[in-house]
Amino acid sequence: MNLNAVKLKAVIRHKQTEMENQKTWHQQHHETLTIGNHIADSVAKGMGSWKFIIIQTILVILWMSMNLIGFIYHWDVYPFILLNLLFSTQAAYAAPIIMMSQNRQNERDRVQALADYKTNAEAKLEIEALAKKLNSIEVEKLDKIIRMLEETKPGQGK
């Protein structure tokens, strides 16, 4: 193994160690979130799931059934004004919370795109440097081959 290969392996090991010790953009972003941000993300995640839709549908069916066939007490008679009020209140709070979460997701996407761009730019520079180095090694090899051929040509000895 030649000296250049040893140096290259050492540089690669050093870069890998640096990368392992650095936090990803996602970890850095997650650390900056407040309790309110976490709550908004949890609410948006929960309300945007099939589990929420199914549970809410079951509760609505139970609510309406109990009020339609209740023998003793109807707390929300048809047309279910209290149920409509509950849905309106839920929507009034859910919409801004979901928008907060979406805005944060947009910001995360921008940060990720910037991190990807920086990584790609650094990779491009490293690839260009490696290509130059490989090209110079190739030129050196060709020069050596040409010198060896010139030395071995008949009638041209040193």
N, C-alpha and C. Protein backbone atom coordinates (compact mmCIF):
# COMPACT_ATOMS: atom_id res chain seq x y z
N MET A 1 0.87 -1.17 0.00
CA MET A 1 0.00 0.00 0.00
C MET A 1 0.91 1.24 0.00
N ASN A 2 0.65 2.15 -0.92
CA ASN A 2 1.51 3.32 -0.99
C ASN A 2 1.08 4.40 -0.01
N LEU A 3 1.90 5.42 0.09
CA LEU A 3 1.69 6.49 1.07
C LEU A 3 0.40 7.26 0.81
N ASN A 4 0.06 7.48 -0.47
CA ASN A 4 -1.18 8.22 -0.80
C ASN A 4 -2.41 7.46 -0.33
N ALA A 5 -2.42 6.14 -0.48
CA ALA A 5 -3.57 5.34 -0.05
C ALA A 5 -3.72 5.39 1.47
N VAL A 6 -2.60 5.36 2.18
CA VAL A 6 -2.63 5.44 3.65
C VAL A 6 -3.19 6.79 4.09
N LYS A 7 -2.72 7.86 3.44
CA LYS A 7 -3.21 9.20 3.78
C LYS A 7 -4.71 9.32 3.48
N LEU A 8 -5.12 8.78 2.35
CA LEU A 8 -6.53 8.84 1.97
C LEU A 8 -7.40 8.11 2.98
N LYS A 9 -6.95 6.92 3.41
CA LYS A 9 -7.71 6.17 4.41
C LYS A 9 -7.79 6.94 5.73
N ALA A 10 -6.71 7.61 6.12
CA ALA A 10 -6.70 8.39 7.36
C ALA A 10 -7.68 9.55 7.25
N VAL A 11 -7.70 10.21 6.11
CA VAL A 11 -8.62 11.34 5.91
C VAL A 11 -10.06 10.84 5.97
N ILE A 12 -10.34 9.71 5.34
CA ILE A 12 -11.70 9.15 5.33
C ILE A 12 -12.12 8.79 6.75
N ARG A 13 -11.22 8.15 7.52
CA ARG A 13 -11.55 7.80 8.90
C ARG A 13 -11.83 9.05 9.74
N HIS A 14 -11.03 10.10 9.53
CA HIS A 14 -11.22 11.36 10.26
C HIS A 14 -12.58 11.97 9.92
N LYS A 15 -12.92 11.99 8.63
CA LYS A 15 -14.21 12.55 8.20
C LYS A 15 -15.37 11.74 8.78
N GLN A 16 -15.24 10.42 8.80
CA GLN A 16 -16.30 9.58 9.35
C GLN A 16 -16.48 9.86 10.84
N THR A 17 -15.40 10.04 11.57
CA THR A 17 -15.48 10.36 13.00
C THR A 17 -16.16 11.71 13.20
N GLU A 18 -15.80 12.70 12.38
CA GLU A 18 -16.43 14.02 12.47
C GLU A 18 -17.93 13.92 12.23
N MET A 19 -18.31 13.14 11.22
CA MET A 19 -19.72 13.01 10.87
C MET A 19 -20.51 12.31 11.97
N GLU A 20 -19.90 11.33 12.62
CA GLU A 20 -20.58 10.61 13.70
C GLU A 20 -20.81 11.52 14.91
N ASN A 21 -19.89 12.45 15.15
CA ASN A 21 -20.00 13.34 16.31
C ASN A 21 -20.91 14.53 16.05
N GLN A 22 -21.17 14.86 14.79
CA GLN A 22 -22.03 16.00 14.47
C GLN A 22 -23.49 15.60 14.59
N LYS A 23 -24.29 16.55 15.00
CA LYS A 23 -25.73 16.31 15.06
C LYS A 23 -26.31 16.57 13.67
N THR A 24 -27.32 15.79 13.33
CA THR A 24 -27.97 15.99 12.04
C THR A 24 -28.83 17.25 12.13
N TRP A 25 -29.26 17.76 10.98
CA TRP A 25 -30.11 18.95 10.96
C TRP A 25 -31.40 18.68 11.70
N HIS A 26 -31.88 17.43 11.61
CA HIS A 26 -33.14 17.08 12.27
C HIS A 26 -32.98 17.12 13.79
N GLN A 27 -31.86 16.60 14.30
CA GLN A 27 -31.61 16.64 15.74
C GLN A 27 -31.48 18.09 16.22
N GLN A 28 -30.78 18.91 15.46
CA GLN A 28 -30.62 20.32 15.84
C GLN A 28 -31.97 21.03 15.85
N HIS A 29 -32.79 20.77 14.84
CA HIS A 29 -34.10 21.42 14.77
C HIS A 29 -35.00 20.94 15.91
N HIS A 30 -34.95 19.65 16.20
CA HIS A 30 -35.79 19.08 17.26
C HIS A 30 -35.46 19.70 18.62
N GLU A 31 -34.19 20.00 18.85
CA GLU A 31 -33.78 20.59 20.12
C GLU A 31 -34.28 22.02 20.29
N THR A 32 -34.60 22.70 19.18
CA THR A 32 -35.05 24.09 19.28
C THR A 32 -36.55 24.21 19.49
N LEU A 33 -37.28 23.10 19.41
CA LEU A 33 -38.74 23.16 19.56
C LEU A 33 -39.14 23.40 21.01
N THR A 34 -40.17 24.22 21.18
CA THR A 34 -40.70 24.49 22.52
C THR A 34 -41.75 23.43 22.85
N ILE A 35 -42.24 23.47 24.08
CA ILE A 35 -43.30 22.55 24.49
C ILE A 35 -44.54 22.77 23.63
N GLY A 36 -44.86 24.04 23.37
CA GLY A 36 -46.01 24.35 22.51
C GLY A 36 -45.87 23.78 21.11
N ASN A 37 -44.64 23.84 20.57
CA ASN A 37 -44.39 23.26 19.25
C ASN A 37 -44.61 21.76 19.26
N HIS A 38 -44.14 21.09 20.30
CA HIS A 38 -44.33 19.65 20.41
C HIS A 38 -45.82 19.30 20.51
N ILE A 39 -46.55 20.09 21.29
CA ILE A 39 -47.99 19.85 21.45
C ILE A 39 -48.70 20.04 20.11
N ALA A 40 -48.37 21.13 19.42
CA ALA A 40 -49.01 21.40 18.12
C ALA A 40 -48.72 20.28 17.13
N ASP A 41 -47.49 19.81 17.12
CA ASP A 41 -47.14 18.71 16.21
C ASP A 41 -47.89 17.43 16.58
N SER A 42 -48.01 17.17 17.88
CA SER A 42 -48.73 15.96 18.32
C SER A 42 -50.21 16.04 17.96
N VAL A 43 -50.81 17.22 18.18
CA VAL A 43 -52.23 17.39 17.85
C VAL A 43 -52.44 17.21 16.35
N ALA A 44 -51.59 17.86 15.54
CA ALA A 44 -51.73 17.76 14.09
C ALA A 44 -51.52 16.32 13.62
N LYS A 45 -50.57 15.64 14.22
CA LYS A 45 -50.32 14.24 13.85
C LYS A 45 -51.52 13.37 14.23
N GLY A 46 -52.07 13.61 15.43
CA GLY A 46 -53.22 12.82 15.87
C GLY A 46 -54.46 13.09 15.05
N MET A 47 -54.74 14.37 14.77
CA MET A 47 -55.96 14.70 14.02
C MET A 47 -55.86 14.32 12.55
N GLY A 48 -54.65 14.14 12.08
CA GLY A 48 -54.48 13.76 10.68
C GLY A 48 -54.30 12.26 10.51
N SER A 49 -54.93 11.49 11.36
CA SER A 49 -54.76 10.03 11.28
C SER A 49 -56.11 9.34 11.12
N TRP A 50 -56.06 8.12 10.63
CA TRP A 50 -57.28 7.32 10.50
C TRP A 50 -57.83 6.96 11.87
N LYS A 51 -56.94 6.79 12.82
CA LYS A 51 -57.37 6.45 14.17
C LYS A 51 -58.32 7.54 14.71
N PHE A 52 -57.94 8.80 14.52
CA PHE A 52 -58.77 9.91 14.96
C PHE A 52 -60.12 9.91 14.25
N ILE A 53 -60.10 9.73 12.94
CA ILE A 53 -61.34 9.73 12.15
C ILE A 53 -62.27 8.61 12.62
N ILE A 54 -61.72 7.43 12.83
CA ILE A 54 -62.54 6.29 13.26
C ILE A 54 -63.11 6.52 14.64
N ILE A 55 -62.27 6.98 15.58
CA ILE A 55 -62.76 7.23 16.95
C ILE A 55 -63.82 8.31 16.95
N GLN A 56 -63.59 9.38 16.21
CA GLN A 56 -64.57 10.46 16.17
C GLN A 56 -65.88 9.98 15.53
N THR A 57 -65.80 9.18 14.51
CA THR A 57 -67.01 8.65 13.88
C THR A 57 -67.80 7.79 14.85
N ILE A 58 -67.10 6.94 15.59
CA ILE A 58 -67.77 6.09 16.58
C ILE A 58 -68.45 6.94 17.65
N LEU A 59 -67.74 7.98 18.13
CA LEU A 59 -68.33 8.86 19.16
C LEU A 59 -69.56 9.59 18.63
N VAL A 60 -69.52 10.05 17.40
CA VAL A 60 -70.67 10.74 16.80
C VAL A 60 -71.85 9.78 16.68
N ILE A 61 -71.59 8.57 16.22
CA ILE A 61 -72.68 7.58 16.09
C ILE A 61 -73.28 7.28 17.46
N LEU A 62 -72.41 7.10 18.47
CA LEU A 62 -72.91 6.86 19.83
C LEU A 62 -73.73 8.04 20.35
N TRP A 63 -73.21 9.25 20.15
CA TRP A 63 -73.90 10.47 20.59
C TRP A 63 -75.29 10.55 19.97
N MET A 64 -75.34 10.38 18.67
CA MET A 64 -76.63 10.50 17.98
C MET A 64 -77.57 9.36 18.37
N SER A 65 -77.04 8.16 18.47
CA SER A 65 -77.87 7.01 18.84
C SER A 65 -78.44 7.19 20.24
N MET A 66 -77.61 7.59 21.18
CA MET A 66 -78.09 7.75 22.56
C MET A 66 -79.13 8.86 22.67
N ASN A 67 -79.01 9.88 21.82
CA ASN A 67 -79.97 10.96 21.88
C ASN A 67 -81.25 10.66 21.09
N LEU A 68 -81.18 9.78 20.14
CA LEU A 68 -82.37 9.44 19.38
C LEU A 68 -83.20 8.38 20.09
N ILE A 69 -82.53 7.39 20.70
CA ILE A 69 -83.28 6.29 21.31
C ILE A 69 -83.23 6.32 22.83
N GLY A 70 -82.70 7.41 23.39
CA GLY A 70 -82.65 7.50 24.85
C GLY A 70 -84.05 7.52 25.44
N PHE A 71 -84.31 6.64 26.38
CA PHE A 71 -85.66 6.52 26.95
C PHE A 71 -85.95 7.59 28.00
N ILE A 72 -84.95 7.98 28.73
CA ILE A 72 -85.22 8.87 29.85
C ILE A 72 -84.76 10.30 29.58
N TYR A 73 -83.51 10.47 29.13
CA TYR A 73 -82.97 11.82 29.06
C TYR A 73 -82.28 12.04 27.71
N HIS A 74 -82.72 13.08 27.00
CA HIS A 74 -82.09 13.49 25.74
C HIS A 74 -81.35 14.80 26.01
N TRP A 75 -80.02 14.76 26.13
CA TRP A 75 -79.28 15.99 26.44
C TRP A 75 -79.01 16.84 25.20
N ASP A 76 -79.14 16.25 24.01
CA ASP A 76 -78.93 17.00 22.76
C ASP A 76 -79.89 16.45 21.71
N VAL A 77 -81.10 16.97 21.73
CA VAL A 77 -82.14 16.46 20.83
C VAL A 77 -81.85 16.88 19.39
N TYR A 78 -82.48 16.15 18.47
CA TYR A 78 -82.33 16.47 17.06
C TYR A 78 -82.68 17.92 16.84
N PRO A 79 -81.90 18.67 16.15
CA PRO A 79 -80.82 18.50 15.18
C PRO A 79 -79.41 18.54 15.78
N PHE A 80 -79.25 18.14 17.01
CA PHE A 80 -77.94 17.99 17.66
C PHE A 80 -77.12 19.29 17.66
N ILE A 81 -77.69 20.31 18.23
CA ILE A 81 -77.05 21.63 18.27
C ILE A 81 -75.78 21.59 19.13
N LEU A 82 -75.81 20.88 20.23
CA LEU A 82 -74.62 20.77 21.09
C LEU A 82 -73.49 20.06 20.35
N LEU A 83 -73.81 19.03 19.62
CA LEU A 83 -72.80 18.31 18.83
C LEU A 83 -72.18 19.24 17.78
N ASN A 84 -73.03 20.03 17.12
CA ASN A 84 -72.52 21.01 16.14
C ASN A 84 -71.62 22.04 16.81
N LEU A 85 -71.99 22.47 18.00
CA LEU A 85 -71.16 23.42 18.74
C LEU A 85 -69.80 22.80 19.08
N LEU A 86 -69.81 21.55 19.49
CA LEU A 86 -68.55 20.86 19.79
C LEU A 86 -67.66 20.76 18.54
N PHE A 87 -68.27 20.43 17.40
CA PHE A 87 -67.49 20.36 16.16
C PHE A 87 -66.93 21.73 15.77
N SER A 88 -67.72 22.77 15.94
CA SER A 88 -67.26 24.12 15.60
C SER A 88 -66.09 24.52 16.49
N THR A 89 -66.20 24.22 17.78
CA THR A 89 -65.12 24.54 18.71
C THR A 89 -63.86 23.75 18.35
N GLN A 90 -64.04 22.47 18.05
CA GLN A 90 -62.91 21.64 17.66
C GLN A 90 -62.23 22.22 16.42
N ALA A 91 -63.01 22.59 15.43
CA ALA A 91 -62.46 23.13 14.19
C ALA A 91 -61.76 24.47 14.43
N ALA A 92 -62.33 25.30 15.32
CA ALA A 92 -61.75 26.61 15.62
C ALA A 92 -60.36 26.48 16.23
N TYR A 93 -60.15 25.45 17.03
CA TYR A 93 -58.84 25.24 17.64
C TYR A 93 -57.92 24.39 16.75
N ALA A 94 -58.49 23.45 16.06
CA ALA A 94 -57.67 22.53 15.26
C ALA A 94 -57.00 23.23 14.09
N ALA A 95 -57.73 24.09 13.41
CA ALA A 95 -57.18 24.74 12.21
C ALA A 95 -55.89 25.52 12.50
N PRO A 96 -55.87 26.42 13.48
CA PRO A 96 -54.62 27.15 13.72
C PRO A 96 -53.49 26.24 14.22
N ILE A 97 -53.83 25.23 15.01
CA ILE A 97 -52.79 24.32 15.51
C ILE A 97 -52.18 23.55 14.36
N ILE A 98 -53.01 23.08 13.44
CA ILE A 98 -52.50 22.35 12.28
C ILE A 98 -51.67 23.28 11.39
N MET A 99 -52.10 24.53 11.25
CA MET A 99 -51.33 25.50 10.45
C MET A 99 -49.96 25.76 11.08
N MET A 100 -49.90 25.85 12.42
CA MET A 100 -48.61 26.03 13.10
C MET A 100 -47.68 24.87 12.78
N SER A 101 -48.23 23.68 12.85
CA SER A 101 -47.43 22.48 12.57
C SER A 101 -46.97 22.46 11.11
N GLN A 102 -47.84 22.84 10.19
CA GLN A 102 -47.47 22.87 8.78
C GLN A 102 -46.41 23.93 8.51
N ASN A 103 -46.52 25.09 9.16
CA ASN A 103 -45.50 26.12 8.99
C ASN A 103 -44.14 25.62 9.48
N ARG A 104 -44.14 24.91 10.60
CA ARG A 104 -42.90 24.34 11.11
C ARG A 104 -42.35 23.28 10.15
N GLN A 105 -43.25 22.50 9.56
CA GLN A 105 -42.81 21.49 8.59
C GLN A 105 -42.18 22.17 7.37
N ASN A 106 -42.77 23.28 6.92
CA ASN A 106 -42.18 24.04 5.81
C ASN A 106 -40.79 24.53 6.18
N GLU A 107 -40.63 25.02 7.40
CA GLU A 107 -39.32 25.49 7.86
C GLU A 107 -38.33 24.33 7.92
N ARG A 108 -38.78 23.17 8.42
CA ARG A 108 -37.91 21.99 8.45
C ARG A 108 -37.48 21.61 7.04
N ASP A 109 -38.41 21.68 6.09
CA ASP A 109 -38.09 21.34 4.70
C ASP A 109 -37.05 22.30 4.13
N ARG A 110 -37.18 23.60 4.45
CA ARG A 110 -36.20 24.58 3.98
C ARG A 110 -34.83 24.30 4.57
N VAL A 111 -34.79 23.99 5.87
CA VAL A 111 -33.52 23.69 6.53
C VAL A 111 -32.90 22.43 5.94
N GLN A 112 -33.73 21.42 5.69
CA GLN A 112 -33.22 20.18 5.11
C GLN A 112 -32.69 20.43 3.70
N ALA A 113 -33.40 21.22 2.92
CA ALA A 113 -32.94 21.51 1.56
C ALA A 113 -31.61 22.25 1.59
N LEU A 114 -31.45 23.19 2.52
CA LEU A 114 -30.19 23.91 2.65
C LEU A 114 -29.07 22.97 3.08
N ALA A 115 -29.36 22.08 4.03
CA ALA A 115 -28.35 21.12 4.47
C ALA A 115 -27.97 20.18 3.32
N ASP A 116 -28.95 19.75 2.55
CA ASP A 116 -28.67 18.89 1.40
C ASP A 116 -27.81 19.62 0.36
N TYR A 117 -28.13 20.89 0.15
CA TYR A 117 -27.35 21.68 -0.81
C TYR A 117 -25.90 21.80 -0.35
N LYS A 118 -25.71 22.12 0.93
CA LYS A 118 -24.34 22.24 1.45
C LYS A 118 -23.59 20.93 1.33
N THR A 119 -24.26 19.82 1.67
CA THR A 119 -23.63 18.51 1.56
C THR A 119 -23.25 18.21 0.11
N ASN A 120 -24.16 18.52 -0.80
CA ASN A 120 -23.87 18.28 -2.22
C ASN A 120 -22.72 19.15 -2.72
N ALA A 121 -22.67 20.41 -2.27
CA ALA A 121 -21.59 21.30 -2.68
C ALA A 121 -20.24 20.80 -2.14
N GLU A 122 -20.23 20.36 -0.87
CA GLU A 122 -19.00 19.82 -0.29
C GLU A 122 -18.59 18.54 -1.01
N ALA A 123 -19.54 17.69 -1.31
CA ALA A 123 -19.25 16.44 -2.02
C ALA A 123 -18.69 16.73 -3.40
N LYS A 124 -19.25 17.74 -4.06
CA LYS A 124 -18.78 18.11 -5.39
C LYS A 124 -17.32 18.55 -5.33
N LEU A 125 -17.00 19.38 -4.33
CA LEU A 125 -15.62 19.84 -4.19
C LEU A 125 -14.68 18.68 -3.91
N GLU A 126 -15.10 17.76 -3.05
CA GLU A 126 -14.27 16.60 -2.75
C GLU A 126 -14.10 15.70 -3.97
N ILE A 127 -15.15 15.52 -4.73
CA ILE A 127 -15.06 14.69 -5.94
C ILE A 127 -14.14 15.34 -6.96
N GLU A 128 -14.25 16.67 -7.11
CA GLU A 128 -13.36 17.37 -8.03
C GLU A 128 -11.91 17.24 -7.60
N ALA A 129 -11.66 17.36 -6.27
CA ALA A 129 -10.29 17.22 -5.77
C ALA A 129 -9.77 15.80 -6.01
N LEU A 130 -10.63 14.81 -5.76
CA LEU A 130 -10.22 13.43 -6.01
C LEU A 130 -9.96 13.18 -7.50
N ALA A 131 -10.80 13.76 -8.35
CA ALA A 131 -10.62 13.60 -9.80
C ALA A 131 -9.29 14.22 -10.23
N LYS A 132 -8.95 15.40 -9.70
CA LYS A 132 -7.67 16.04 -10.02
C LYS A 132 -6.51 15.17 -9.55
N LYS A 133 -6.65 14.65 -8.33
CA LYS A 133 -5.59 13.81 -7.77
C LYS A 133 -5.42 12.54 -8.61
N LEU A 134 -6.53 11.89 -8.96
CA LEU A 134 -6.46 10.70 -9.80
C LEU A 134 -5.86 11.02 -11.17
N ASN A 135 -6.22 12.17 -11.70
CA ASN A 135 -5.68 12.60 -13.00
C ASN A 135 -4.17 12.80 -12.90
N SER A 136 -3.72 13.45 -11.82
CA SER A 136 -2.28 13.67 -11.66
C SER A 136 -1.54 12.35 -11.47
N ILE A 137 -2.14 11.42 -10.74
CA ILE A 137 -1.53 10.10 -10.57
C ILE A 137 -1.45 9.39 -11.92
N GLU A 138 -2.50 9.51 -12.70
CA GLU A 138 -2.53 8.88 -14.02
C GLU A 138 -1.47 9.49 -14.93
N VAL A 139 -1.32 10.81 -14.87
CA VAL A 139 -0.31 11.48 -15.68
C VAL A 139 1.08 11.04 -15.25
N GLU A 140 1.30 10.95 -13.94
CA GLU A 140 2.59 10.48 -13.43
C GLU A 140 2.89 9.07 -13.93
N LYS A 141 1.90 8.20 -13.88
CA LYS A 141 2.09 6.83 -14.36
C LYS A 141 2.42 6.81 -15.85
N LEU A 142 1.67 7.62 -16.61
CA LEU A 142 1.94 7.67 -18.05
C LEU A 142 3.33 8.21 -18.34
N ASP A 143 3.74 9.22 -17.59
CA ASP A 143 5.09 9.77 -17.76
C ASP A 143 6.14 8.70 -17.46
N LYS A 144 5.92 7.92 -16.41
CA LYS A 144 6.86 6.85 -16.06
C LYS A 144 6.91 5.80 -17.17
N ILE A 145 5.73 5.46 -17.69
CA ILE A 145 5.68 4.46 -18.77
C ILE A 145 6.41 4.98 -20.00
N ILE A 146 6.20 6.24 -20.34
CA ILE A 146 6.87 6.84 -21.50
C ILE A 146 8.38 6.83 -21.29
N ARG A 147 8.84 7.22 -20.08
CA ARG A 147 10.28 7.20 -19.79
C ARG A 147 10.84 5.79 -19.90
N MET A 148 10.09 4.82 -19.38
CA MET A 148 10.56 3.43 -19.46
C MET A 148 10.63 2.96 -20.90
N LEU A 149 9.65 3.35 -21.72
CA LEU A 149 9.66 2.97 -23.12
C LEU A 149 10.82 3.63 -23.87
N GLU A 150 11.07 4.89 -23.55
CA GLU A 150 12.18 5.60 -24.18
C GLU A 150 13.50 4.97 -23.81
N GLU A 151 13.60 4.52 -22.56
CA GLU A 151 14.84 3.89 -22.12
C GLU A 151 15.05 2.53 -22.76
N THR A 152 13.98 1.86 -23.10
CA THR A 152 14.12 0.52 -23.66
C THR A 152 14.12 0.50 -25.19
N LYS A 153 14.01 1.64 -25.85
CA LYS A 153 14.03 1.69 -27.32
C LYS A 153 15.43 1.30 -27.78
N PRO A 154 15.48 0.47 -28.83
CA PRO A 154 16.81 0.06 -29.32
C PRO A 154 17.55 1.24 -29.95
N GLY A 155 18.79 1.34 -29.66
CA GLY A 155 19.63 2.38 -30.22
C GLY A 155 19.59 3.65 -29.43
N GLN A 156 18.83 3.71 -28.37
CA GLN A 156 18.77 4.93 -27.56
C GLN A 156 19.14 4.62 -26.12
N GLY A 157 20.10 3.93 -25.86
CA GLY A 157 20.51 3.60 -24.49
C GLY A 157 21.20 4.77 -23.85
N LYS A 158 21.26 4.79 -22.56
CA LYS A 158 21.95 5.87 -21.85
C LYS A 158 23.36 5.49 -21.54
